[in-house]
């Protein structure tokens, strides 16, 4: 076994595999199909509310790519995951947080607080990734 093959196996086992990027045309087609799949979901109240609160946040290319990669570029599964993400976010943090990112920050060494901290230092942990974990 070559060293490259060995490293690939190690990375795959431990979850550090490099992302396979698709060409721009393929990504554009996946994004279009993703939107069609989301529209086909009958119950998506939290998703609709999030779009009303901040359309740019919900339609953000990087935000959607994060879900597409997590679902191995399957638009149907991605659509369900995005809708469930917003349902879970509404349940955990309330409707006012649907149109923005949620970060966990530790302030003054003892307090944990959730708020909108876009552009803050990288030591902030994005709770959006919490919803990407598949069981």
C-alpha atoms as a PDB file:
ATOM      1  CA  UNK A   1       0.000   0.000   0.000  1.00  0.00           C
ATOM      2  CA  UNK A   2       1.386   3.390  -0.945  1.00  0.00           C
ATOM      3  CA  UNK A   3       1.758   6.201   1.564  1.00  0.00           C
ATOM      4  CA  UNK A   4      -1.006   8.198  -0.189  1.00  0.00           C
ATOM      5  CA  UNK A   5      -3.429   5.270   0.093  1.00  0.00           C
ATOM      6  CA  UNK A   6      -2.483   4.779   3.736  1.00  0.00           C
ATOM      7  CA  UNK A   7      -3.077   8.473   4.530  1.00  0.00           C
ATOM      8  CA  UNK A   8      -6.415   8.420   2.697  1.00  0.00           C
ATOM      9  CA  UNK A   9      -7.573   5.459   4.800  1.00  0.00           C
ATOM     10  CA  UNK A  10      -6.410   7.144   8.014  1.00  0.00           C
ATOM     11  CA  UNK A  11      -8.198  10.390   7.054  1.00  0.00           C
ATOM     12  CA  UNK A  12     -11.374   8.533   6.047  1.00  0.00           C
ATOM     13  CA  UNK A  13     -11.473   6.533   9.281  1.00  0.00           C
ATOM     14  CA  UNK A  14     -10.936   9.569  11.477  1.00  0.00           C
ATOM     15  CA  UNK A  15     -13.230  11.890   9.558  1.00  0.00           C
ATOM     16  CA  UNK A  16     -10.626  14.205   8.078  1.00  0.00           C
ATOM     17  CA  UNK A  17     -11.038  13.383   4.417  1.00  0.00           C
ATOM     18  CA  UNK A  18     -10.626  16.285   2.045  1.00  0.00           C
ATOM     19  CA  UNK A  19     -13.835  17.559   0.493  1.00  0.00           C
ATOM     20  CA  UNK A  20     -14.400  16.653  -3.120  1.00  0.00           C
ATOM     21  CA  UNK A  21     -15.389  19.840  -4.891  1.00  0.00           C
ATOM     22  CA  UNK A  22     -17.683  19.751  -7.884  1.00  0.00           C
ATOM     23  CA  UNK A  23     -17.510  22.038 -10.886  1.00  0.00           C
ATOM     24  CA  UNK A  24     -19.582  25.225 -10.875  1.00  0.00           C
ATOM     25  CA  UNK A  25     -22.175  23.925 -13.338  1.00  0.00           C
ATOM     26  CA  UNK A  26     -22.780  20.810 -11.255  1.00  0.00           C
ATOM     27  CA  UNK A  27     -23.103  22.888  -8.084  1.00  0.00           C
ATOM     28  CA  UNK A  28     -25.549  25.267  -9.794  1.00  0.00           C
ATOM     29  CA  UNK A  29     -27.672  22.287 -10.900  1.00  0.00           C
ATOM     30  CA  UNK A  30     -27.590  20.837  -7.373  1.00  0.00           C
ATOM     31  CA  UNK A  31     -28.633  24.191  -5.878  1.00  0.00           C
ATOM     32  CA  UNK A  32     -31.556  24.431  -8.288  1.00  0.00           C
ATOM     33  CA  UNK A  33     -32.630  20.876  -7.496  1.00  0.00           C
ATOM     34  CA  UNK A  34     -32.216  21.553  -3.770  1.00  0.00           C
ATOM     35  CA  UNK A  35     -34.608  24.501  -3.993  1.00  0.00           C
ATOM     36  CA  UNK A  36     -37.126  22.308  -5.862  1.00  0.00           C
ATOM     37  CA  UNK A  37     -36.824  19.611  -3.173  1.00  0.00           C
ATOM     38  CA  UNK A  38     -37.353  22.164  -0.391  1.00  0.00           C
ATOM     39  CA  UNK A  39     -40.437  23.556  -2.149  1.00  0.00           C
ATOM     40  CA  UNK A  40     -41.846  20.017  -2.372  1.00  0.00           C
ATOM     41  CA  UNK A  41     -41.715  19.540   1.414  1.00  0.00           C
ATOM     42  CA  UNK A  42     -45.245  20.215   2.713  1.00  0.00           C
ATOM     43  CA  UNK A  43     -44.481  21.177   6.322  1.00  0.00           C
ATOM     44  CA  UNK A  44     -41.706  23.765   6.578  1.00  0.00           C
ATOM     45  CA  UNK A  45     -43.050  26.576   8.753  1.00  0.00           C
ATOM     46  CA  UNK A  46     -39.730  27.384  10.471  1.00  0.00           C
ATOM     47  CA  UNK A  47     -37.904  27.454   7.112  1.00  0.00           C
ATOM     48  CA  UNK A  48     -40.473  29.871   5.659  1.00  0.00           C
ATOM     49  CA  UNK A  49     -40.233  32.095   8.741  1.00  0.00           C
ATOM     50  CA  UNK A  50     -36.433  32.097   8.493  1.00  0.00           C
ATOM     51  CA  UNK A  51     -36.693  33.239   4.856  1.00  0.00           C
ATOM     52  CA  UNK A  52     -39.023  36.043   5.915  1.00  0.00           C
ATOM     53  CA  UNK A  53     -36.643  37.134   8.683  1.00  0.00           C
ATOM     54  CA  UNK A  54     -33.476  37.062   6.536  1.00  0.00           C
ATOM     55  CA  UNK A  55     -33.654  35.752   2.984  1.00  0.00           C
ATOM     56  CA  UNK A  56     -29.927  36.302   2.400  1.00  0.00           C
ATOM     57  CA  UNK A  57     -29.010  34.123   5.387  1.00  0.00           C
ATOM     58  CA  UNK A  58     -31.238  31.213   4.310  1.00  0.00           C
ATOM     59  CA  UNK A  59     -30.250  31.395   0.635  1.00  0.00           C
ATOM     60  CA  UNK A  60     -26.517  31.915   1.306  1.00  0.00           C
ATOM     61  CA  UNK A  61     -24.453  29.705  -1.012  1.00  0.00           C
ATOM     62  CA  UNK A  62     -21.917  28.686   1.659  1.00  0.00           C
ATOM     63  CA  UNK A  63     -24.678  27.881   4.148  1.00  0.00           C
ATOM     64  CA  UNK A  64     -26.376  25.554   1.651  1.00  0.00           C
ATOM     65  CA  UNK A  65     -23.070  24.025   0.545  1.00  0.00           C
ATOM     66  CA  UNK A  66     -22.377  23.067   4.154  1.00  0.00           C
ATOM     67  CA  UNK A  67     -25.575  20.993   4.150  1.00  0.00           C
ATOM     68  CA  UNK A  68     -24.976  19.570   0.656  1.00  0.00           C
ATOM     69  CA  UNK A  69     -21.535  18.318   1.660  1.00  0.00           C
ATOM     70  CA  UNK A  70     -22.908  16.821   4.870  1.00  0.00           C
ATOM     71  CA  UNK A  71     -25.472  14.893   2.800  1.00  0.00           C
ATOM     72  CA  UNK A  72     -22.989  13.729   0.151  1.00  0.00           C
ATOM     73  CA  UNK A  73     -24.513  16.074  -2.451  1.00  0.00           C
ATOM     74  CA  UNK A  74     -27.960  14.466  -2.261  1.00  0.00           C
ATOM     75  CA  UNK A  75     -30.465  17.331  -2.791  1.00  0.00           C
ATOM     76  CA  UNK A  76     -33.427  15.389  -1.403  1.00  0.00           C
ATOM     77  CA  UNK A  77     -31.682  14.493   1.828  1.00  0.00           C
ATOM     78  CA  UNK A  78     -30.198  18.003   2.035  1.00  0.00           C
ATOM     79  CA  UNK A  79     -33.638  19.598   1.720  1.00  0.00           C
ATOM     80  CA  UNK A  80     -34.942  17.525   4.628  1.00  0.00           C
ATOM     81  CA  UNK A  81     -31.875  18.354   6.717  1.00  0.00           C
ATOM     82  CA  UNK A  82     -32.212  22.107   6.122  1.00  0.00           C
ATOM     83  CA  UNK A  83     -35.907  22.082   7.037  1.00  0.00           C
ATOM     84  CA  UNK A  84     -35.193  20.017  10.167  1.00  0.00           C
ATOM     85  CA  UNK A  85     -32.314  22.368  11.031  1.00  0.00           C
ATOM     86  CA  UNK A  86     -34.672  25.346  11.178  1.00  0.00           C
ATOM     87  CA  UNK A  87     -37.323  23.394  13.108  1.00  0.00           C
ATOM     88  CA  UNK A  88     -34.744  22.354  15.699  1.00  0.00           C
ATOM     89  CA  UNK A  89     -33.268  25.861  15.833  1.00  0.00           C
ATOM     90  CA  UNK A  90     -36.729  27.341  16.486  1.00  0.00           C
ATOM     91  CA  UNK A  91     -37.402  24.774  19.206  1.00  0.00           C
ATOM     92  CA  UNK A  92     -34.060  25.362  20.957  1.00  0.00           C
ATOM     93  CA  UNK A  93     -33.557  29.110  20.553  1.00  0.00           C
ATOM     94  CA  UNK A  94     -36.889  30.637  19.541  1.00  0.00           C
ATOM     95  CA  UNK A  95     -38.261  32.188  16.368  1.00  0.00           C
ATOM     96  CA  UNK A  96     -36.230  35.393  16.626  1.00  0.00           C
ATOM     97  CA  UNK A  97     -32.992  33.440  15.962  1.00  0.00           C
ATOM     98  CA  UNK A  98     -34.107  31.732  12.740  1.00  0.00           C
ATOM     99  CA  UNK A  99     -32.682  34.359  10.413  1.00  0.00           C
ATOM    100  CA  UNK A 100     -29.208  34.552  11.920  1.00  0.00           C
ATOM    101  CA  UNK A 101     -26.258  32.491  13.031  1.00  0.00           C
ATOM    102  CA  UNK A 102     -26.096  31.249  16.611  1.00  0.00           C
ATOM    103  CA  UNK A 103     -22.752  31.153  18.391  1.00  0.00           C
ATOM    104  CA  UNK A 104     -21.776  30.019  21.838  1.00  0.00           C
ATOM    105  CA  UNK A 105     -19.403  32.328  23.601  1.00  0.00           C
ATOM    106  CA  UNK A 106     -17.904  32.243  27.052  1.00  0.00           C
ATOM    107  CA  UNK A 107     -17.768  35.679  28.619  1.00  0.00           C
ATOM    108  CA  UNK A 108     -15.989  36.623  31.831  1.00  0.00           C
ATOM    109  CA  UNK A 109     -14.842  33.029  32.324  1.00  0.00           C
ATOM    110  CA  UNK A 110     -18.059  31.849  33.942  1.00  0.00           C
ATOM    111  CA  UNK A 111     -21.069  32.704  31.833  1.00  0.00           C
ATOM    112  CA  UNK A 112     -22.330  31.047  28.685  1.00  0.00           C
ATOM    113  CA  UNK A 113     -24.467  33.206  26.454  1.00  0.00           C
ATOM    114  CA  UNK A 114     -25.978  32.730  23.004  1.00  0.00           C
ATOM    115  CA  UNK A 115     -26.097  35.672  20.651  1.00  0.00           C
ATOM    116  CA  UNK A 116     -25.461  36.923  17.160  1.00  0.00           C
ATOM    117  CA  UNK A 117     -21.686  37.335  16.911  1.00  0.00           C
ATOM    118  CA  UNK A 118     -20.941  37.532  13.183  1.00  0.00           C
ATOM    119  CA  UNK A 119     -17.375  38.546  12.527  1.00  0.00           C
ATOM    120  CA  UNK A 120     -16.148  37.629  15.988  1.00  0.00           C
ATOM    121  CA  UNK A 121     -12.858  35.759  16.654  1.00  0.00           C
ATOM    122  CA  UNK A 122     -12.532  32.177  15.504  1.00  0.00           C
ATOM    123  CA  UNK A 123     -12.614  30.758  19.036  1.00  0.00           C
ATOM    124  CA  UNK A 124     -16.402  31.103  18.972  1.00  0.00           C
ATOM    125  CA  UNK A 125     -18.137  27.787  18.364  1.00  0.00           C
ATOM    126  CA  UNK A 126     -20.867  27.784  15.747  1.00  0.00           C
ATOM    127  CA  UNK A 127     -23.864  25.843  16.969  1.00  0.00           C
ATOM    128  CA  UNK A 128     -25.082  25.503  13.397  1.00  0.00           C
ATOM    129  CA  UNK A 129     -22.702  22.565  13.064  1.00  0.00           C
ATOM    130  CA  UNK A 130     -24.516  20.830  15.915  1.00  0.00           C
ATOM    131  CA  UNK A 131     -27.487  20.298  13.631  1.00  0.00           C
ATOM    132  CA  UNK A 132     -25.406  18.691  10.906  1.00  0.00           C
ATOM    133  CA  UNK A 133     -24.566  15.609  12.945  1.00  0.00           C
ATOM    134  CA  UNK A 134     -26.347  12.602  11.500  1.00  0.00           C
ATOM    135  CA  UNK A 135     -27.433   9.719  13.717  1.00  0.00           C
END
